[in-house]
mmCIF file of all heavy atoms, coordinates in Angstrom:
data_MODEL
# 
_entry.id   MODEL 
# 
loop_
_atom_site.group_PDB 
_atom_site.id 
_atom_site.type_symbol 
_atom_site.label_atom_id 
_atom_site.label_alt_id 
_atom_site.label_comp_id 
_atom_site.label_asym_id 
_atom_site.label_entity_id 
_atom_site.label_seq_id 
_atom_site.pdbx_PDB_ins_code 
_atom_site.Cartn_x 
_atom_site.Cartn_y 
_atom_site.Cartn_z 
_atom_site.occupancy 
_atom_site.B_iso_or_equiv 
_atom_site.pdbx_formal_charge 
_atom_site.auth_seq_id 
_atom_site.auth_comp_id 
_atom_site.auth_asym_id 
_atom_site.auth_atom_id 
_atom_site.pdbx_PDB_model_num 
ATOM 1   N N   . PHE A 1 1  ? -12.800 -21.240 33.969 1.00 0.00 ? 1  PHE A N   1 
ATOM 2   C CA  . PHE A 1 1  ? -11.342 -21.224 34.084 1.00 0.00 ? 1  PHE A CA  1 
ATOM 3   C C   . PHE A 1 1  ? -10.858 -22.589 34.561 1.00 0.00 ? 1  PHE A C   1 
ATOM 4   O O   . PHE A 1 1  ? -9.887  -23.148 33.987 1.00 0.00 ? 1  PHE A O   1 
ATOM 5   C CB  . PHE A 1 1  ? -10.902 -20.144 35.047 1.00 0.00 ? 1  PHE A CB  1 
ATOM 6   C CG  . PHE A 1 1  ? -10.647 -18.807 34.412 1.00 0.00 ? 1  PHE A CG  1 
ATOM 7   C CD1 . PHE A 1 1  ? -11.581 -18.219 33.543 1.00 0.00 ? 1  PHE A CD1 1 
ATOM 8   C CD2 . PHE A 1 1  ? -9.458  -18.092 34.661 1.00 0.00 ? 1  PHE A CD2 1 
ATOM 9   C CE1 . PHE A 1 1  ? -11.334 -16.986 32.979 1.00 0.00 ? 1  PHE A CE1 1 
ATOM 10  C CE2 . PHE A 1 1  ? -9.227  -16.868 34.088 1.00 0.00 ? 1  PHE A CE2 1 
ATOM 11  C CZ  . PHE A 1 1  ? -10.162 -16.307 33.235 1.00 0.00 ? 1  PHE A CZ  1 
ATOM 12  N N   . ALA A 1 2  ? -11.455 -23.115 35.617 1.00 0.00 ? 2  ALA A N   1 
ATOM 13  C CA  . ALA A 1 2  ? -11.024 -24.384 36.163 1.00 0.00 ? 2  ALA A CA  1 
ATOM 14  C C   . ALA A 1 2  ? -11.175 -25.516 35.190 1.00 0.00 ? 2  ALA A C   1 
ATOM 15  O O   . ALA A 1 2  ? -10.247 -26.356 35.016 1.00 0.00 ? 2  ALA A O   1 
ATOM 16  C CB  . ALA A 1 2  ? -11.780 -24.656 37.464 1.00 0.00 ? 2  ALA A CB  1 
ATOM 17  N N   . VAL A 1 3  ? -12.319 -25.625 34.539 1.00 0.00 ? 3  VAL A N   1 
ATOM 18  C CA  . VAL A 1 3  ? -12.552 -26.704 33.581 1.00 0.00 ? 3  VAL A CA  1 
ATOM 19  C C   . VAL A 1 3  ? -11.599 -26.613 32.395 1.00 0.00 ? 3  VAL A C   1 
ATOM 20  O O   . VAL A 1 3  ? -11.015 -27.611 31.952 1.00 0.00 ? 3  VAL A O   1 
ATOM 21  C CB  . VAL A 1 3  ? -14.018 -26.670 33.095 1.00 0.00 ? 3  VAL A CB  1 
ATOM 22  C CG1 . VAL A 1 3  ? -14.240 -27.638 31.922 1.00 0.00 ? 3  VAL A CG1 1 
ATOM 23  C CG2 . VAL A 1 3  ? -14.983 -27.004 34.240 1.00 0.00 ? 3  VAL A CG2 1 
ATOM 24  N N   . ALA A 1 4  ? -11.413 -25.394 31.859 1.00 0.00 ? 4  ALA A N   1 
ATOM 25  C CA  . ALA A 1 4  ? -10.523 -25.220 30.708 1.00 0.00 ? 4  ALA A CA  1 
ATOM 26  C C   . ALA A 1 4  ? -9.085  -25.624 31.040 1.00 0.00 ? 4  ALA A C   1 
ATOM 27  O O   . ALA A 1 4  ? -8.409  -26.256 30.230 1.00 0.00 ? 4  ALA A O   1 
ATOM 28  C CB  . ALA A 1 4  ? -10.559 -23.764 30.232 1.00 0.00 ? 4  ALA A CB  1 
ATOM 29  N N   . GLU A 1 5  ? -8.661  -25.323 32.262 1.00 0.00 ? 5  GLU A N   1 
ATOM 30  C CA  . GLU A 1 5  ? -7.276  -25.622 32.642 1.00 0.00 ? 5  GLU A CA  1 
ATOM 31  C C   . GLU A 1 5  ? -7.063  -27.104 32.818 1.00 0.00 ? 5  GLU A C   1 
ATOM 32  O O   . GLU A 1 5  ? -5.989  -27.608 32.526 1.00 0.00 ? 5  GLU A O   1 
ATOM 33  C CB  . GLU A 1 5  ? -6.915  -24.848 33.907 1.00 0.00 ? 5  GLU A CB  1 
ATOM 34  C CG  . GLU A 1 5  ? -6.697  -23.357 33.606 1.00 0.00 ? 5  GLU A CG  1 
ATOM 35  C CD  . GLU A 1 5  ? -6.886  -22.462 34.809 1.00 0.00 ? 5  GLU A CD  1 
ATOM 36  O OE1 . GLU A 1 5  ? -6.912  -22.981 35.932 1.00 0.00 ? 5  GLU A OE1 1 
ATOM 37  O OE2 . GLU A 1 5  ? -6.988  -21.212 34.619 1.00 0.00 ? 5  GLU A OE2 1 
ATOM 38  N N   . VAL A 1 6  ? -8.135  -27.813 33.225 1.00 0.00 ? 6  VAL A N   1 
ATOM 39  C CA  . VAL A 1 6  ? -8.049  -29.264 33.318 1.00 0.00 ? 6  VAL A CA  1 
ATOM 40  C C   . VAL A 1 6  ? -8.080  -29.905 31.937 1.00 0.00 ? 6  VAL A C   1 
ATOM 41  O O   . VAL A 1 6  ? -7.272  -30.796 31.619 1.00 0.00 ? 6  VAL A O   1 
ATOM 42  C CB  . VAL A 1 6  ? -9.181  -29.810 34.204 1.00 0.00 ? 6  VAL A CB  1 
ATOM 43  C CG1 . VAL A 1 6  ? -9.235  -31.344 34.124 1.00 0.00 ? 6  VAL A CG1 1 
ATOM 44  C CG2 . VAL A 1 6  ? -8.986  -29.416 35.682 1.00 0.00 ? 6  VAL A CG2 1 
ATOM 45  N N   . GLU A 1 7  ? -9.023  -29.447 31.107 1.00 0.00 ? 7  GLU A N   1 
ATOM 46  C CA  . GLU A 1 7  ? -9.191  -30.055 29.782 1.00 0.00 ? 7  GLU A CA  1 
ATOM 47  C C   . GLU A 1 7  ? -8.081  -29.700 28.833 1.00 0.00 ? 7  GLU A C   1 
ATOM 48  O O   . GLU A 1 7  ? -7.621  -30.546 28.059 1.00 0.00 ? 7  GLU A O   1 
ATOM 49  C CB  . GLU A 1 7  ? -10.536 -29.600 29.194 1.00 0.00 ? 7  GLU A CB  1 
ATOM 50  C CG  . GLU A 1 7  ? -11.749 -30.154 29.929 1.00 0.00 ? 7  GLU A CG  1 
ATOM 51  C CD  . GLU A 1 7  ? -13.054 -29.669 29.323 1.00 0.00 ? 7  GLU A CD  1 
ATOM 52  O OE1 . GLU A 1 7  ? -13.003 -28.775 28.448 1.00 0.00 ? 7  GLU A OE1 1 
ATOM 53  O OE2 . GLU A 1 7  ? -14.108 -30.209 29.700 1.00 0.00 ? 7  GLU A OE2 1 
ATOM 54  N N   . ALA A 1 8  ? -7.616  -28.454 28.872 1.00 0.00 ? 8  ALA A N   1 
ATOM 55  C CA  . ALA A 1 8  ? -6.580  -28.028 27.907 1.00 0.00 ? 8  ALA A CA  1 
ATOM 56  C C   . ALA A 1 8  ? -5.184  -28.228 28.427 1.00 0.00 ? 8  ALA A C   1 
ATOM 57  O O   . ALA A 1 8  ? -4.234  -28.337 27.647 1.00 0.00 ? 8  ALA A O   1 
ATOM 58  C CB  . ALA A 1 8  ? -6.789  -26.556 27.572 1.00 0.00 ? 8  ALA A CB  1 
ATOM 59  N N   . GLY A 1 9  ? -5.051  -28.331 29.746 1.00 0.00 ? 9  GLY A N   1 
ATOM 60  C CA  . GLY A 1 9  ? -3.716  -28.396 30.378 1.00 0.00 ? 9  GLY A CA  1 
ATOM 61  C C   . GLY A 1 9  ? -2.752  -29.463 29.797 1.00 0.00 ? 9  GLY A C   1 
ATOM 62  O O   . GLY A 1 9  ? -1.614  -29.099 29.450 1.00 0.00 ? 9  GLY A O   1 
ATOM 63  N N   . PRO A 1 10 ? -3.203  -30.703 29.624 1.00 0.00 ? 10 PRO A N   1 
ATOM 64  C CA  . PRO A 1 10 ? -2.284  -31.711 29.124 1.00 0.00 ? 10 PRO A CA  1 
ATOM 65  C C   . PRO A 1 10 ? -1.706  -31.387 27.731 1.00 0.00 ? 10 PRO A C   1 
ATOM 66  O O   . PRO A 1 10 ? -0.635  -31.826 27.364 1.00 0.00 ? 10 PRO A O   1 
ATOM 67  C CB  . PRO A 1 10 ? -3.140  -32.978 29.083 1.00 0.00 ? 10 PRO A CB  1 
ATOM 68  C CG  . PRO A 1 10 ? -4.170  -32.729 30.127 1.00 0.00 ? 10 PRO A CG  1 
ATOM 69  C CD  . PRO A 1 10 ? -4.457  -31.290 30.030 1.00 0.00 ? 10 PRO A CD  1 
ATOM 70  N N   . GLY A 1 11 ? -2.466  -30.639 26.947 1.00 0.00 ? 11 GLY A N   1 
ATOM 71  C CA  . GLY A 1 11 ? -2.012  -30.331 25.586 1.00 0.00 ? 11 GLY A CA  1 
ATOM 72  C C   . GLY A 1 11 ? -1.222  -29.021 25.475 1.00 0.00 ? 11 GLY A C   1 
ATOM 73  O O   . GLY A 1 11 ? -0.721  -28.674 24.414 1.00 0.00 ? 11 GLY A O   1 
ATOM 74  N N   . LEU A 1 12 ? -1.112  -28.308 26.612 1.00 0.00 ? 12 LEU A N   1 
ATOM 75  C CA  . LEU A 1 12 ? -0.408  -27.079 26.615 1.00 0.00 ? 12 LEU A CA  1 
ATOM 76  C C   . LEU A 1 12 ? 0.890   -27.204 27.409 1.00 0.00 ? 12 LEU A C   1 
ATOM 77  O O   . LEU A 1 12 ? 0.866   -27.337 28.623 1.00 0.00 ? 12 LEU A O   1 
ATOM 78  C CB  . LEU A 1 12 ? -1.272  -25.943 27.240 1.00 0.00 ? 12 LEU A CB  1 
ATOM 79  C CG  . LEU A 1 12 ? -2.476  -25.480 26.429 1.00 0.00 ? 12 LEU A CG  1 
ATOM 80  C CD1 . LEU A 1 12 ? -3.273  -24.465 27.257 1.00 0.00 ? 12 LEU A CD1 1 
ATOM 81  C CD2 . LEU A 1 12 ? -2.004  -24.841 25.152 1.00 0.00 ? 12 LEU A CD2 1 
ATOM 82  N N   . ARG A 1 13 ? 1.994   -27.139 26.689 1.00 0.00 ? 13 ARG A N   1 
ATOM 83  C CA  . ARG A 1 13 ? 3.295   -27.231 27.347 1.00 0.00 ? 13 ARG A CA  1 
ATOM 84  C C   . ARG A 1 13 ? 4.029   -25.932 27.172 1.00 0.00 ? 13 ARG A C   1 
ATOM 85  O O   . ARG A 1 13 ? 4.223   -25.455 26.031 1.00 0.00 ? 13 ARG A O   1 
ATOM 86  C CB  . ARG A 1 13 ? 4.082   -28.384 26.720 1.00 0.00 ? 13 ARG A CB  1 
ATOM 87  C CG  . ARG A 1 13 ? 3.395   -29.719 26.754 1.00 0.00 ? 13 ARG A CG  1 
ATOM 88  C CD  . ARG A 1 13 ? 3.428   -30.352 28.130 1.00 0.00 ? 13 ARG A CD  1 
ATOM 89  N NE  . ARG A 1 13 ? 4.777   -30.701 28.540 1.00 0.00 ? 13 ARG A NE  1 
ATOM 90  C CZ  . ARG A 1 13 ? 5.069   -31.269 29.684 1.00 0.00 ? 13 ARG A CZ  1 
ATOM 91  N NH1 . ARG A 1 13 ? 4.097   -31.522 30.544 1.00 0.00 ? 13 ARG A NH1 1 
ATOM 92  N NH2 . ARG A 1 13 ? 6.291   -31.564 30.003 1.00 0.00 ? 13 ARG A NH2 1 
ATOM 93  N N   . GLY A 1 14 ? 4.451   -25.343 28.252 1.00 0.00 ? 14 GLY A N   1 
ATOM 94  C CA  . GLY A 1 14 ? 5.239   -24.131 28.146 1.00 0.00 ? 14 GLY A CA  1 
ATOM 95  C C   . GLY A 1 14 ? 6.600   -24.418 27.455 1.00 0.00 ? 14 GLY A C   1 
ATOM 96  O O   . GLY A 1 14 ? 7.221   -25.430 27.794 1.00 0.00 ? 14 GLY A O   1 
ATOM 97  N N   . ARG A 1 15 ? 6.986   -23.560 26.549 1.00 0.00 ? 15 ARG A N   1 
ATOM 98  C CA  . ARG A 1 15 ? 8.264   -23.813 25.896 1.00 0.00 ? 15 ARG A CA  1 
ATOM 99  C C   . ARG A 1 15 ? 9.123   -22.552 25.997 1.00 0.00 ? 15 ARG A C   1 
ATOM 100 O O   . ARG A 1 15 ? 8.614   -21.460 25.906 1.00 0.00 ? 15 ARG A O   1 
ATOM 101 C CB  . ARG A 1 15 ? 8.083   -24.245 24.435 1.00 0.00 ? 15 ARG A CB  1 
ATOM 102 C CG  . ARG A 1 15 ? 7.542   -23.157 23.530 1.00 0.00 ? 15 ARG A CG  1 
ATOM 103 C CD  . ARG A 1 15 ? 7.280   -23.662 22.141 1.00 0.00 ? 15 ARG A CD  1 
ATOM 104 N NE  . ARG A 1 15 ? 6.931   -22.617 21.201 1.00 0.00 ? 15 ARG A NE  1 
ATOM 105 C CZ  . ARG A 1 15 ? 6.138   -22.765 20.135 1.00 0.00 ? 15 ARG A CZ  1 
ATOM 106 N NH1 . ARG A 1 15 ? 5.633   -23.953 19.904 1.00 0.00 ? 15 ARG A NH1 1 
ATOM 107 N NH2 . ARG A 1 15 ? 5.879   -21.748 19.328 1.00 0.00 ? 15 ARG A NH2 1 
ATOM 108 N N   . ALA A 1 16 ? 10.398  -22.775 26.230 1.00 0.00 ? 16 ALA A N   1 
ATOM 109 C CA  . ALA A 1 16 ? 11.305  -21.655 26.348 1.00 0.00 ? 16 ALA A CA  1 
ATOM 110 C C   . ALA A 1 16 ? 11.509  -21.016 24.992 1.00 0.00 ? 16 ALA A C   1 
ATOM 111 O O   . ALA A 1 16 ? 11.492  -21.642 23.959 1.00 0.00 ? 16 ALA A O   1 
ATOM 112 C CB  . ALA A 1 16 ? 12.652  -22.160 26.888 1.00 0.00 ? 16 ALA A CB  1 
ATOM 113 N N   . LEU A 1 17 ? 11.694  -19.682 25.022 1.00 0.00 ? 17 LEU A N   1 
ATOM 114 C CA  . LEU A 1 17 ? 12.006  -18.986 23.790 1.00 0.00 ? 17 LEU A CA  1 
ATOM 115 C C   . LEU A 1 17 ? 13.412  -19.397 23.300 1.00 0.00 ? 17 LEU A C   1 
ATOM 116 O O   . LEU A 1 17 ? 14.285  -19.762 24.108 1.00 0.00 ? 17 LEU A O   1 
ATOM 117 C CB  . LEU A 1 17 ? 11.984  -17.471 24.052 1.00 0.00 ? 17 LEU A CB  1 
ATOM 118 C CG  . LEU A 1 17 ? 10.564  -16.902 24.229 1.00 0.00 ? 17 LEU A CG  1 
ATOM 119 C CD1 . LEU A 1 17 ? 10.602  -15.583 24.976 1.00 0.00 ? 17 LEU A CD1 1 
ATOM 120 C CD2 . LEU A 1 17 ? 9.870   -16.765 22.884 1.00 0.00 ? 17 LEU A CD2 1 
ATOM 121 N N   . PRO A 1 18 ? 13.607  -19.393 21.996 1.00 0.00 ? 18 PRO A N   1 
ATOM 122 C CA  . PRO A 1 18 ? 14.890  -19.877 21.431 1.00 0.00 ? 18 PRO A CA  1 
ATOM 123 C C   . PRO A 1 18 ? 16.110  -19.159 22.057 1.00 0.00 ? 18 PRO A C   1 
ATOM 124 O O   . PRO A 1 18 ? 16.101  -17.926 22.210 1.00 0.00 ? 18 PRO A O   1 
ATOM 125 C CB  . PRO A 1 18 ? 14.780  -19.535 19.944 1.00 0.00 ? 18 PRO A CB  1 
ATOM 126 C CG  . PRO A 1 18 ? 13.317  -19.550 19.691 1.00 0.00 ? 18 PRO A CG  1 
ATOM 127 C CD  . PRO A 1 18 ? 12.676  -18.983 20.943 1.00 0.00 ? 18 PRO A CD  1 
ATOM 128 N N   . GLY A 1 19 ? 17.099  -19.961 22.437 1.00 0.00 ? 19 GLY A N   1 
ATOM 129 C CA  . GLY A 1 19 ? 18.368  -19.380 22.940 1.00 0.00 ? 19 GLY A CA  1 
ATOM 130 C C   . GLY A 1 19 ? 18.335  -19.018 24.417 1.00 0.00 ? 19 GLY A C   1 
ATOM 131 O O   . GLY A 1 19 ? 19.367  -18.655 24.963 1.00 0.00 ? 19 GLY A O   1 
ATOM 132 N N   . THR A 1 20 ? 17.165  -19.115 25.042 1.00 0.00 ? 20 THR A N   1 
ATOM 133 C CA  . THR A 1 20 ? 17.055  -18.684 26.423 1.00 0.00 ? 20 THR A CA  1 
ATOM 134 C C   . THR A 1 20 ? 17.867  -19.525 27.396 1.00 0.00 ? 20 THR A C   1 
ATOM 135 O O   . THR A 1 20 ? 18.590  -19.011 28.252 1.00 0.00 ? 20 THR A O   1 
ATOM 136 C CB  . THR A 1 20 ? 15.567  -18.692 26.891 1.00 0.00 ? 20 THR A CB  1 
ATOM 137 O OG1 . THR A 1 20 ? 14.844  -17.756 26.061 1.00 0.00 ? 20 THR A OG1 1 
ATOM 138 C CG2 . THR A 1 20 ? 15.418  -18.302 28.305 1.00 0.00 ? 20 THR A CG2 1 
ATOM 139 N N   . VAL A 1 21 ? 17.764  -20.829 27.285 1.00 0.00 ? 21 VAL A N   1 
ATOM 140 C CA  . VAL A 1 21 ? 18.456  -21.722 28.221 1.00 0.00 ? 21 VAL A CA  1 
ATOM 141 C C   . VAL A 1 21 ? 19.956  -21.536 28.132 1.00 0.00 ? 21 VAL A C   1 
ATOM 142 O O   . VAL A 1 21 ? 20.647  -21.426 29.147 1.00 0.00 ? 21 VAL A O   1 
ATOM 143 C CB  . VAL A 1 21 ? 18.073  -23.183 27.947 1.00 0.00 ? 21 VAL A CB  1 
ATOM 144 C CG1 . VAL A 1 21 ? 18.906  -24.118 28.804 1.00 0.00 ? 21 VAL A CG1 1 
ATOM 145 C CG2 . VAL A 1 21 ? 16.583  -23.424 28.203 1.00 0.00 ? 21 VAL A CG2 1 
ATOM 146 N N   . THR A 1 22 ? 20.456  -21.405 26.899 1.00 0.00 ? 22 THR A N   1 
ATOM 147 C CA  . THR A 1 22 ? 21.919  -21.186 26.730 1.00 0.00 ? 22 THR A CA  1 
ATOM 148 C C   . THR A 1 22 ? 22.358  -19.879 27.320 1.00 0.00 ? 22 THR A C   1 
ATOM 149 O O   . THR A 1 22 ? 23.379  -19.758 27.988 1.00 0.00 ? 22 THR A O   1 
ATOM 150 C CB  . THR A 1 22 ? 22.256  -21.229 25.234 1.00 0.00 ? 22 THR A CB  1 
ATOM 151 O OG1 . THR A 1 22 ? 21.916  -22.509 24.722 1.00 0.00 ? 22 THR A OG1 1 
ATOM 152 C CG2 . THR A 1 22 ? 23.750  -20.998 24.998 1.00 0.00 ? 22 THR A CG2 1 
ATOM 153 N N   . ALA A 1 23 ? 21.558  -18.830 27.107 1.00 0.00 ? 23 ALA A N   1 
ATOM 154 C CA  . ALA A 1 23 ? 21.884  -17.491 27.597 1.00 0.00 ? 23 ALA A CA  1 
ATOM 155 C C   . ALA A 1 23 ? 21.900  -17.488 29.143 1.00 0.00 ? 23 ALA A C   1 
ATOM 156 O O   . ALA A 1 23 ? 22.767  -16.884 29.766 1.00 0.00 ? 23 ALA A O   1 
ATOM 157 C CB  . ALA A 1 23 ? 20.892  -16.466 27.068 1.00 0.00 ? 23 ALA A CB  1 
ATOM 158 N N   . LEU A 1 24 ? 20.905  -18.157 29.750 1.00 0.00 ? 24 LEU A N   1 
ATOM 159 C CA  . LEU A 1 24 ? 20.883  -18.185 31.217 1.00 0.00 ? 24 LEU A CA  1 
ATOM 160 C C   . LEU A 1 24 ? 22.071  -18.885 31.762 1.00 0.00 ? 24 LEU A C   1 
ATOM 161 O O   . LEU A 1 24 ? 22.637  -18.478 32.831 1.00 0.00 ? 24 LEU A O   1 
ATOM 162 C CB  . LEU A 1 24 ? 19.588  -18.870 31.664 1.00 0.00 ? 24 LEU A CB  1 
ATOM 163 C CG  . LEU A 1 24 ? 18.274  -18.151 31.353 1.00 0.00 ? 24 LEU A CG  1 
ATOM 164 C CD1 . LEU A 1 24 ? 17.077  -18.997 31.812 1.00 0.00 ? 24 LEU A CD1 1 
ATOM 165 C CD2 . LEU A 1 24 ? 18.217  -16.778 32.047 1.00 0.00 ? 24 LEU A CD2 1 
ATOM 166 N N   . GLY A 1 25 ? 22.514  -19.940 31.100 1.00 0.00 ? 25 GLY A N   1 
ATOM 167 C CA  . GLY A 1 25 ? 23.731  -20.629 31.525 1.00 0.00 ? 25 GLY A CA  1 
ATOM 168 C C   . GLY A 1 25 ? 24.953  -19.749 31.470 1.00 0.00 ? 25 GLY A C   1 
ATOM 169 O O   . GLY A 1 25 ? 25.789  -19.742 32.389 1.00 0.00 ? 25 GLY A O   1 
ATOM 170 N N   . ALA A 1 26 ? 25.060  -18.954 30.391 1.00 0.00 ? 26 ALA A N   1 
ATOM 171 C CA  . ALA A 1 26 ? 26.179  -18.048 30.261 1.00 0.00 ? 26 ALA A CA  1 
ATOM 172 C C   . ALA A 1 26 ? 26.166  -16.944 31.318 1.00 0.00 ? 26 ALA A C   1 
ATOM 173 O O   . ALA A 1 26 ? 27.202  -16.583 31.871 1.00 0.00 ? 26 ALA A O   1 
ATOM 174 C CB  . ALA A 1 26 ? 26.159  -17.435 28.858 1.00 0.00 ? 26 ALA A CB  1 
ATOM 175 N N   . LEU A 1 27 ? 24.988  -16.463 31.623 1.00 0.00 ? 27 LEU A N   1 
ATOM 176 C CA  . LEU A 1 27 ? 24.859  -15.423 32.644 1.00 0.00 ? 27 LEU A CA  1 
ATOM 177 C C   . LEU A 1 27 ? 25.262  -15.952 34.019 1.00 0.00 ? 27 LEU A C   1 
ATOM 178 O O   . LEU A 1 27 ? 25.940  -15.290 34.789 1.00 0.00 ? 27 LEU A O   1 
ATOM 179 C CB  . LEU A 1 27 ? 23.418  -14.874 32.676 1.00 0.00 ? 27 LEU A CB  1 
ATOM 180 C CG  . LEU A 1 27 ? 23.018  -14.085 31.428 1.00 0.00 ? 27 LEU A CG  1 
ATOM 181 C CD1 . LEU A 1 27 ? 21.471  -13.929 31.388 1.00 0.00 ? 27 LEU A CD1 1 
ATOM 182 C CD2 . LEU A 1 27 ? 23.660  -12.702 31.424 1.00 0.00 ? 27 LEU A CD2 1 
ATOM 183 N N   . ARG A 1 28 ? 24.816  -17.155 34.329 1.00 0.00 ? 28 ARG A N   1 
ATOM 184 C CA  . ARG A 1 28 ? 25.190  -17.769 35.612 1.00 0.00 ? 28 ARG A CA  1 
ATOM 185 C C   . ARG A 1 28 ? 26.701  -18.004 35.683 1.00 0.00 ? 28 ARG A C   1 
ATOM 186 O O   . ARG A 1 28 ? 27.328  -17.769 36.741 1.00 0.00 ? 28 ARG A O   1 
ATOM 187 C CB  . ARG A 1 28 ? 24.483  -19.093 35.789 1.00 0.00 ? 28 ARG A CB  1 
ATOM 188 C CG  . ARG A 1 28 ? 22.992  -18.988 36.115 1.00 0.00 ? 28 ARG A CG  1 
ATOM 189 C CD  . ARG A 1 28 ? 22.483  -20.341 36.499 1.00 0.00 ? 28 ARG A CD  1 
ATOM 190 N NE  . ARG A 1 28 ? 22.905  -20.742 37.825 1.00 0.00 ? 28 ARG A NE  1 
ATOM 191 C CZ  . ARG A 1 28 ? 23.099  -22.015 38.210 1.00 0.00 ? 28 ARG A CZ  1 
ATOM 192 N NH1 . ARG A 1 28 ? 22.886  -23.010 37.370 1.00 0.00 ? 28 ARG A NH1 1 
ATOM 193 N NH2 . ARG A 1 28 ? 23.470  -22.286 39.435 1.00 0.00 ? 28 ARG A NH2 1 
# 
């Protein structure tokens, strides 16, 4: 687990689902 997270981490970027950021802004 530790090695994979170090080796794969830089290539794995979490991305928001489409429309989520806009919806959260509207809710706030």
